[in-house]
């Protein structure tokens, strides 16, 4: 079984479901509680490349912080959006699983199994 890195928020039901699914596979899971240990900009850029997403596509646009920080401004650069995610990790979509050189957002949670 592969090693899996899971960007996890234990308070999120989808994240907990994804973790339970991965635990049932018997793979080794490295859990990154990204709210306690926010990813730096290079890590976010790596995630974006693996996910093949733009920074805005990785953001939780319905979070109150998204509007409060003015992140709905279409003129913001990718770098500005990435900086916002490093400073306010709650804005990062979750959970994110990485294995076998691939990454996927676990929504629905069963998606995490697709990269094993």
C-alpha atoms as a PDB file:
ATOM      1  CA  UNK A   1       0.000   0.000   0.000  1.00  0.00           C
ATOM      2  CA  UNK A   2       1.217   3.509  -0.768  1.00  0.00           C
ATOM      3  CA  UNK A   3       2.060   6.274   1.645  1.00  0.00           C
ATOM      4  CA  UNK A   4      -0.639   8.936   1.729  1.00  0.00           C
ATOM      5  CA  UNK A   5      -0.380  12.486   2.986  1.00  0.00           C
ATOM      6  CA  UNK A   6      -3.712  13.894   4.106  1.00  0.00           C
ATOM      7  CA  UNK A   7      -4.246  17.615   4.658  1.00  0.00           C
ATOM      8  CA  UNK A   8      -6.812  17.170   7.381  1.00  0.00           C
ATOM      9  CA  UNK A   9      -9.141  19.213   9.562  1.00  0.00           C
ATOM     10  CA  UNK A  10     -10.407  16.978  12.390  1.00  0.00           C
ATOM     11  CA  UNK A  11     -13.448  19.238  12.882  1.00  0.00           C
ATOM     12  CA  UNK A  12     -14.620  18.651   9.293  1.00  0.00           C
ATOM     13  CA  UNK A  13     -16.926  15.663   8.772  1.00  0.00           C
ATOM     14  CA  UNK A  14     -15.766  15.138   5.153  1.00  0.00           C
ATOM     15  CA  UNK A  15     -12.152  15.156   6.289  1.00  0.00           C
ATOM     16  CA  UNK A  16     -12.901  12.625   9.039  1.00  0.00           C
ATOM     17  CA  UNK A  17     -14.740  10.403   6.542  1.00  0.00           C
ATOM     18  CA  UNK A  18     -11.813  10.547   4.112  1.00  0.00           C
ATOM     19  CA  UNK A  19      -9.386   9.627   6.901  1.00  0.00           C
ATOM     20  CA  UNK A  20     -11.555   6.657   7.925  1.00  0.00           C
ATOM     21  CA  UNK A  21     -11.663   5.402   4.328  1.00  0.00           C
ATOM     22  CA  UNK A  22      -7.880   5.639   4.050  1.00  0.00           C
ATOM     23  CA  UNK A  23      -7.383   3.900   7.399  1.00  0.00           C
ATOM     24  CA  UNK A  24      -9.495   0.998   6.130  1.00  0.00           C
ATOM     25  CA  UNK A  25      -7.116   0.480   3.193  1.00  0.00           C
ATOM     26  CA  UNK A  26      -4.163  -0.232   5.472  1.00  0.00           C
ATOM     27  CA  UNK A  27      -1.957   2.384   3.823  1.00  0.00           C
ATOM     28  CA  UNK A  28       0.457   4.496   5.835  1.00  0.00           C
ATOM     29  CA  UNK A  29      -1.099   7.932   6.409  1.00  0.00           C
ATOM     30  CA  UNK A  30       0.794  11.075   7.277  1.00  0.00           C
ATOM     31  CA  UNK A  31      -1.737  13.522   8.685  1.00  0.00           C
ATOM     32  CA  UNK A  32      -1.085  17.225   8.232  1.00  0.00           C
ATOM     33  CA  UNK A  33      -3.373  19.303  10.425  1.00  0.00           C
ATOM     34  CA  UNK A  34      -3.025  22.309   8.185  1.00  0.00           C
ATOM     35  CA  UNK A  35      -4.905  24.664  10.527  1.00  0.00           C
ATOM     36  CA  UNK A  36      -2.275  24.061  13.235  1.00  0.00           C
ATOM     37  CA  UNK A  37       0.643  23.897  10.771  1.00  0.00           C
ATOM     38  CA  UNK A  38      -0.268  26.074   7.780  1.00  0.00           C
ATOM     39  CA  UNK A  39       1.422  25.177   4.502  1.00  0.00           C
ATOM     40  CA  UNK A  40       3.897  27.662   3.071  1.00  0.00           C
ATOM     41  CA  UNK A  41       3.494  29.121  -0.406  1.00  0.00           C
ATOM     42  CA  UNK A  42       5.744  26.484  -2.008  1.00  0.00           C
ATOM     43  CA  UNK A  43       3.606  23.697  -0.535  1.00  0.00           C
ATOM     44  CA  UNK A  44       0.437  25.344  -1.824  1.00  0.00           C
ATOM     45  CA  UNK A  45       2.018  25.746  -5.273  1.00  0.00           C
ATOM     46  CA  UNK A  46       2.915  22.043  -5.249  1.00  0.00           C
ATOM     47  CA  UNK A  47      -0.653  21.138  -4.266  1.00  0.00           C
ATOM     48  CA  UNK A  48      -2.033  23.351  -7.027  1.00  0.00           C
ATOM     49  CA  UNK A  49       0.213  21.686  -9.598  1.00  0.00           C
ATOM     50  CA  UNK A  50      -0.730  18.178  -8.452  1.00  0.00           C
ATOM     51  CA  UNK A  51      -4.426  19.058  -8.359  1.00  0.00           C
ATOM     52  CA  UNK A  52      -4.219  20.994 -11.635  1.00  0.00           C
ATOM     53  CA  UNK A  53      -6.192  23.848 -10.087  1.00  0.00           C
ATOM     54  CA  UNK A  54      -5.856  27.608  -9.933  1.00  0.00           C
ATOM     55  CA  UNK A  55      -5.458  29.186  -6.493  1.00  0.00           C
ATOM     56  CA  UNK A  56      -9.052  30.411  -6.450  1.00  0.00           C
ATOM     57  CA  UNK A  57     -10.299  26.879  -7.250  1.00  0.00           C
ATOM     58  CA  UNK A  58      -8.557  25.625  -4.101  1.00  0.00           C
ATOM     59  CA  UNK A  59     -10.244  28.216  -1.909  1.00  0.00           C
ATOM     60  CA  UNK A  60     -13.340  27.842   0.202  1.00  0.00           C
ATOM     61  CA  UNK A  61     -15.178  30.828  -1.250  1.00  0.00           C
ATOM     62  CA  UNK A  62     -18.119  30.521   1.150  1.00  0.00           C
ATOM     63  CA  UNK A  63     -15.987  31.112   4.255  1.00  0.00           C
ATOM     64  CA  UNK A  64     -16.683  34.497   5.860  1.00  0.00           C
ATOM     65  CA  UNK A  65     -12.945  35.281   5.698  1.00  0.00           C
ATOM     66  CA  UNK A  66     -13.035  35.048   1.901  1.00  0.00           C
ATOM     67  CA  UNK A  67     -15.335  38.050   1.584  1.00  0.00           C
ATOM     68  CA  UNK A  68     -13.958  39.834   4.656  1.00  0.00           C
ATOM     69  CA  UNK A  69     -10.462  39.795   3.149  1.00  0.00           C
ATOM     70  CA  UNK A  70     -11.742  40.975  -0.236  1.00  0.00           C
ATOM     71  CA  UNK A  71     -10.618  37.784  -1.949  1.00  0.00           C
ATOM     72  CA  UNK A  72     -13.589  37.888  -4.299  1.00  0.00           C
ATOM     73  CA  UNK A  73     -11.758  40.692  -6.147  1.00  0.00           C
ATOM     74  CA  UNK A  74     -11.046  39.239  -9.611  1.00  0.00           C
ATOM     75  CA  UNK A  75      -8.000  41.506  -9.977  1.00  0.00           C
ATOM     76  CA  UNK A  76      -6.024  39.711  -7.254  1.00  0.00           C
ATOM     77  CA  UNK A  77      -3.012  37.793  -8.531  1.00  0.00           C
ATOM     78  CA  UNK A  78      -2.365  34.110  -7.954  1.00  0.00           C
ATOM     79  CA  UNK A  79       0.450  35.100  -5.579  1.00  0.00           C
ATOM     80  CA  UNK A  80      -1.938  37.229  -3.519  1.00  0.00           C
ATOM     81  CA  UNK A  81      -4.427  34.368  -3.285  1.00  0.00           C
ATOM     82  CA  UNK A  82      -1.691  31.915  -2.293  1.00  0.00           C
ATOM     83  CA  UNK A  83      -0.469  34.341   0.382  1.00  0.00           C
ATOM     84  CA  UNK A  84      -4.019  34.604   1.717  1.00  0.00           C
ATOM     85  CA  UNK A  85      -4.164  30.790   2.031  1.00  0.00           C
ATOM     86  CA  UNK A  86      -0.857  30.670   3.909  1.00  0.00           C
ATOM     87  CA  UNK A  87      -2.054  33.366   6.303  1.00  0.00           C
ATOM     88  CA  UNK A  88      -5.620  32.047   6.661  1.00  0.00           C
ATOM     89  CA  UNK A  89      -5.436  28.267   6.085  1.00  0.00           C
ATOM     90  CA  UNK A  90      -9.145  27.922   6.845  1.00  0.00           C
ATOM     91  CA  UNK A  91      -9.603  29.128   3.244  1.00  0.00           C
ATOM     92  CA  UNK A  92      -8.017  25.956   1.812  1.00  0.00           C
ATOM     93  CA  UNK A  93     -10.438  23.341   0.505  1.00  0.00           C
ATOM     94  CA  UNK A  94     -10.287  20.071   2.428  1.00  0.00           C
ATOM     95  CA  UNK A  95      -9.408  17.291   2.714  1.00  0.00           C
ATOM     96  CA  UNK A  96      -6.548  16.915   0.256  1.00  0.00           C
ATOM     97  CA  UNK A  97      -4.908  13.517  -0.201  1.00  0.00           C
ATOM     98  CA  UNK A  98      -1.575  12.972  -1.933  1.00  0.00           C
ATOM     99  CA  UNK A  99      -0.234   9.575  -3.032  1.00  0.00           C
ATOM    100  CA  UNK A 100       1.624   8.095  -5.989  1.00  0.00           C
ATOM    101  CA  UNK A 101       2.526  11.543  -7.334  1.00  0.00           C
ATOM    102  CA  UNK A 102      -1.140  12.537  -7.530  1.00  0.00           C
ATOM    103  CA  UNK A 103      -3.462  14.614  -5.391  1.00  0.00           C
ATOM    104  CA  UNK A 104      -7.211  14.860  -4.999  1.00  0.00           C
ATOM    105  CA  UNK A 105      -9.682  16.844  -2.945  1.00  0.00           C
ATOM    106  CA  UNK A 106     -11.809  14.435  -0.926  1.00  0.00           C
ATOM    107  CA  UNK A 107     -15.213  15.808  -1.858  1.00  0.00           C
ATOM    108  CA  UNK A 108     -16.912  13.447  -1.797  1.00  0.00           C
ATOM    109  CA  UNK A 109     -14.634  11.605   0.654  1.00  0.00           C
ATOM    110  CA  UNK A 110     -14.491   8.506  -1.579  1.00  0.00           C
ATOM    111  CA  UNK A 111     -12.398  10.551  -4.036  1.00  0.00           C
ATOM    112  CA  UNK A 112      -9.325   9.922  -1.866  1.00  0.00           C
ATOM    113  CA  UNK A 113      -9.374   6.269  -2.886  1.00  0.00           C
ATOM    114  CA  UNK A 114      -8.944   7.178  -6.561  1.00  0.00           C
ATOM    115  CA  UNK A 115      -5.219   7.923  -6.160  1.00  0.00           C
ATOM    116  CA  UNK A 116      -4.256   4.699  -4.402  1.00  0.00           C
END
